[in-house]
Amino acid sequence: MTDYGFVEGKDFSPLSGKSRGGRPRIEYAMALDMAKEVSMIQRTPKGKQAASTLSRWRSELSKPNWS
């Protein structure tokens, strides 16, 4: 992930995952912007769909909450 310029602790954080034998599994929590960029890097229909969904979520989160 750092190959793309993402910064651990800012853009993503590793989480411990349950191993199913073999190597330990590592899962990551990602910032919304990073998740969108990773989706766009994939250049697949699913990646494009994910990027669109993440853009919509970001738009909703940036709206003021007046209630």
C-alpha atoms as a PDB file:
ATOM      1  CA  MET A   1       0.000   0.000   0.000  1.00  0.00           C
ATOM      2  CA  THR A   2       2.897   2.300   0.628  1.00  0.00           C
ATOM      3  CA  ASP A   3       3.938   1.781  -3.022  1.00  0.00           C
ATOM      4  CA  TYR A   4       0.976   3.990  -3.965  1.00  0.00           C
ATOM      5  CA  GLY A   5       1.930   6.722  -1.505  1.00  0.00           C
ATOM      6  CA  PHE A   6      -0.459   5.789   1.291  1.00  0.00           C
ATOM      7  CA  VAL A   7       0.748   6.398   4.836  1.00  0.00           C
ATOM      8  CA  GLU A   8       0.223   3.860   7.604  1.00  0.00           C
ATOM      9  CA  GLY A   9      -1.582   5.458  10.542  1.00  0.00           C
ATOM     10  CA  LYS A  10      -3.043   8.175   8.326  1.00  0.00           C
ATOM     11  CA  ASP A  11      -4.555   6.409   5.314  1.00  0.00           C
ATOM     12  CA  PHE A  12      -4.742   2.869   6.698  1.00  0.00           C
ATOM     13  CA  SER A  13      -4.179   0.882   9.867  1.00  0.00           C
ATOM     14  CA  PRO A  14      -3.465  -2.848  10.083  1.00  0.00           C
ATOM     15  CA  LEU A  15      -5.828  -4.932  12.187  1.00  0.00           C
ATOM     16  CA  SER A  16      -5.227  -8.436  13.434  1.00  0.00           C
ATOM     17  CA  GLY A  17      -7.288 -11.026  11.620  1.00  0.00           C
ATOM     18  CA  LYS A  18      -8.026 -14.629  12.389  1.00  0.00           C
ATOM     19  CA  SER A  19      -5.711 -16.986  10.590  1.00  0.00           C
ATOM     20  CA  ARG A  20      -7.121 -20.056   8.885  1.00  0.00           C
ATOM     21  CA  GLY A  21      -3.824 -21.873   9.072  1.00  0.00           C
ATOM     22  CA  GLY A  22      -0.642 -20.915   7.313  1.00  0.00           C
ATOM     23  CA  ARG A  23       0.446 -17.302   7.379  1.00  0.00           C
ATOM     24  CA  PRO A  24      -1.124 -14.847   9.824  1.00  0.00           C
ATOM     25  CA  ARG A  25      -3.929 -12.874   8.236  1.00  0.00           C
ATOM     26  CA  ILE A  26      -3.802  -9.074   8.312  1.00  0.00           C
ATOM     27  CA  GLU A  27      -6.858  -6.941   7.625  1.00  0.00           C
ATOM     28  CA  TYR A  28      -6.802  -3.183   7.178  1.00  0.00           C
ATOM     29  CA  ALA A  29      -9.020  -0.275   8.127  1.00  0.00           C
ATOM     30  CA  MET A  30      -8.848   2.346   5.358  1.00  0.00           C
ATOM     31  CA  ALA A  31      -9.712   5.998   5.131  1.00  0.00           C
ATOM     32  CA  LEU A  32     -12.598   6.671   2.747  1.00  0.00           C
ATOM     33  CA  ASP A  33     -10.347   8.507   0.272  1.00  0.00           C
ATOM     34  CA  MET A  34      -7.881   5.617   0.209  1.00  0.00           C
ATOM     35  CA  ALA A  35     -10.645   3.059  -0.313  1.00  0.00           C
ATOM     36  CA  LYS A  36     -11.920   5.088  -3.271  1.00  0.00           C
ATOM     37  CA  GLU A  37      -8.460   5.375  -4.813  1.00  0.00           C
ATOM     38  CA  VAL A  38      -7.773   1.643  -4.391  1.00  0.00           C
ATOM     39  CA  SER A  39     -11.127   0.933  -6.058  1.00  0.00           C
ATOM     40  CA  MET A  40     -10.222   3.144  -9.009  1.00  0.00           C
ATOM     41  CA  ILE A  41      -6.817   1.448  -9.370  1.00  0.00           C
ATOM     42  CA  GLN A  42      -8.575  -1.882  -9.975  1.00  0.00           C
ATOM     43  CA  ARG A  43     -10.072  -0.692 -13.323  1.00  0.00           C
ATOM     44  CA  THR A  44     -12.820  -3.282 -13.216  1.00  0.00           C
ATOM     45  CA  PRO A  45     -16.612  -2.862 -13.225  1.00  0.00           C
ATOM     46  CA  LYS A  46     -16.676  -3.770  -9.505  1.00  0.00           C
ATOM     47  CA  GLY A  47     -13.909  -1.258  -8.787  1.00  0.00           C
ATOM     48  CA  LYS A  48     -15.785   1.464 -10.653  1.00  0.00           C
ATOM     49  CA  GLN A  49     -18.986   0.599  -8.775  1.00  0.00           C
ATOM     50  CA  ALA A  50     -17.145   0.725  -5.431  1.00  0.00           C
ATOM     51  CA  ALA A  51     -15.551   4.086  -6.281  1.00  0.00           C
ATOM     52  CA  SER A  52     -18.970   5.494  -7.201  1.00  0.00           C
ATOM     53  CA  THR A  53     -20.485   4.248  -3.945  1.00  0.00           C
ATOM     54  CA  LEU A  54     -17.611   5.680  -1.902  1.00  0.00           C
ATOM     55  CA  SER A  55     -17.976   9.053  -3.670  1.00  0.00           C
ATOM     56  CA  ARG A  56     -21.672   9.099  -2.814  1.00  0.00           C
ATOM     57  CA  TRP A  57     -20.926   8.269   0.831  1.00  0.00           C
ATOM     58  CA  ARG A  58     -18.308  11.004   1.027  1.00  0.00           C
ATOM     59  CA  SER A  59     -20.790  13.488  -0.413  1.00  0.00           C
ATOM     60  CA  GLU A  60     -23.394  12.464   2.175  1.00  0.00           C
ATOM     61  CA  LEU A  61     -20.886  12.704   5.021  1.00  0.00           C
ATOM     62  CA  SER A  62     -19.790  16.191   4.000  1.00  0.00           C
ATOM     63  CA  LYS A  63     -23.325  17.605   4.092  1.00  0.00           C
ATOM     64  CA  PRO A  64     -24.040  19.699   7.192  1.00  0.00           C
ATOM     65  CA  ASN A  65     -26.237  17.984   9.743  1.00  0.00           C
ATOM     66  CA  TRP A  66     -28.619  20.679  10.965  1.00  0.00           C
ATOM     67  CA  SER A  67     -30.843  18.452  13.086  1.00  0.00           C
END
